[in-house]
């Protein structure tokens, strides 16, 4: 099978999964972006001790 270089491939299985389950990839991308935005705020707002994460 030769890939289509135009990028206009139709993936009926993927499209049906999108209809059934939603766009999980897009939702994961949004969640990751939100976590990246929140991570610096969370780390700067808490004075943490390495012992908070278990034995060394």
C-alpha atoms as a PDB file:
ATOM      1  CA  UNK A   1       0.000   0.000   0.000  1.00  0.00           C
ATOM      2  CA  UNK A   2       1.391   3.388  -1.001  1.00  0.00           C
ATOM      3  CA  UNK A   3       0.626   6.339   1.309  1.00  0.00           C
ATOM      4  CA  UNK A   4      -1.248   9.259  -0.169  1.00  0.00           C
ATOM      5  CA  UNK A   5       1.121  12.271  -0.179  1.00  0.00           C
ATOM      6  CA  UNK A   6      -1.733  14.796  -0.261  1.00  0.00           C
ATOM      7  CA  UNK A   7      -2.855  13.934   3.258  1.00  0.00           C
ATOM      8  CA  UNK A   8      -6.475  13.537   2.171  1.00  0.00           C
ATOM      9  CA  UNK A   9      -6.701   9.956   3.371  1.00  0.00           C
ATOM     10  CA  UNK A  10     -10.060   8.957   4.775  1.00  0.00           C
ATOM     11  CA  UNK A  11      -9.856   6.660   7.752  1.00  0.00           C
ATOM     12  CA  UNK A  12     -13.367   5.286   8.235  1.00  0.00           C
ATOM     13  CA  UNK A  13     -12.446   3.284  11.340  1.00  0.00           C
ATOM     14  CA  UNK A  14     -10.889   6.340  12.998  1.00  0.00           C
ATOM     15  CA  UNK A  15     -13.816   8.532  11.960  1.00  0.00           C
ATOM     16  CA  UNK A  16     -16.307   6.072  13.428  1.00  0.00           C
ATOM     17  CA  UNK A  17     -14.320   5.945  16.678  1.00  0.00           C
ATOM     18  CA  UNK A  18     -14.402   9.745  16.812  1.00  0.00           C
ATOM     19  CA  UNK A  19     -18.175   9.658  16.498  1.00  0.00           C
ATOM     20  CA  UNK A  20     -18.519   6.942  19.151  1.00  0.00           C
ATOM     21  CA  UNK A  21     -15.891   7.979  21.692  1.00  0.00           C
ATOM     22  CA  UNK A  22     -15.069  11.616  20.958  1.00  0.00           C
ATOM     23  CA  UNK A  23     -11.705  13.075  20.009  1.00  0.00           C
ATOM     24  CA  UNK A  24      -9.592  11.611  22.797  1.00  0.00           C
ATOM     25  CA  UNK A  25      -6.354  12.861  21.221  1.00  0.00           C
ATOM     26  CA  UNK A  26      -7.589  16.459  21.184  1.00  0.00           C
ATOM     27  CA  UNK A  27      -8.880  16.145  24.753  1.00  0.00           C
ATOM     28  CA  UNK A  28      -5.510  14.765  25.911  1.00  0.00           C
ATOM     29  CA  UNK A  29      -3.717  17.625  24.164  1.00  0.00           C
ATOM     30  CA  UNK A  30      -5.900  20.202  25.946  1.00  0.00           C
ATOM     31  CA  UNK A  31      -5.371  18.484  29.305  1.00  0.00           C
ATOM     32  CA  UNK A  32      -1.593  18.424  28.764  1.00  0.00           C
ATOM     33  CA  UNK A  33      -1.554  22.121  27.881  1.00  0.00           C
ATOM     34  CA  UNK A  34      -3.544  22.921  31.023  1.00  0.00           C
ATOM     35  CA  UNK A  35      -1.134  20.906  33.163  1.00  0.00           C
ATOM     36  CA  UNK A  36       1.845  22.695  31.620  1.00  0.00           C
ATOM     37  CA  UNK A  37       0.233  26.024  32.484  1.00  0.00           C
ATOM     38  CA  UNK A  38      -0.542  24.940  36.055  1.00  0.00           C
ATOM     39  CA  UNK A  39       2.759  23.192  36.861  1.00  0.00           C
ATOM     40  CA  UNK A  40       4.907  26.332  37.340  1.00  0.00           C
ATOM     41  CA  UNK A  41       2.224  27.889  39.536  1.00  0.00           C
ATOM     42  CA  UNK A  42       1.919  24.772  41.668  1.00  0.00           C
ATOM     43  CA  UNK A  43       5.663  24.370  42.144  1.00  0.00           C
ATOM     44  CA  UNK A  44       6.215  28.021  43.029  1.00  0.00           C
ATOM     45  CA  UNK A  45       3.318  28.178  45.482  1.00  0.00           C
ATOM     46  CA  UNK A  46       4.529  25.329  47.689  1.00  0.00           C
ATOM     47  CA  UNK A  47       7.776  25.103  49.615  1.00  0.00           C
ATOM     48  CA  UNK A  48       8.398  21.417  49.283  1.00  0.00           C
ATOM     49  CA  UNK A  49      10.799  19.144  51.003  1.00  0.00           C
ATOM     50  CA  UNK A  50      12.323  16.185  49.116  1.00  0.00           C
ATOM     51  CA  UNK A  51      11.117  13.945  51.951  1.00  0.00           C
ATOM     52  CA  UNK A  52       7.585  14.741  50.782  1.00  0.00           C
ATOM     53  CA  UNK A  53       8.237  12.240  47.978  1.00  0.00           C
ATOM     54  CA  UNK A  54       9.317   9.288  50.100  1.00  0.00           C
ATOM     55  CA  UNK A  55      12.594   7.889  51.385  1.00  0.00           C
ATOM     56  CA  UNK A  56      15.801   8.905  49.663  1.00  0.00           C
END
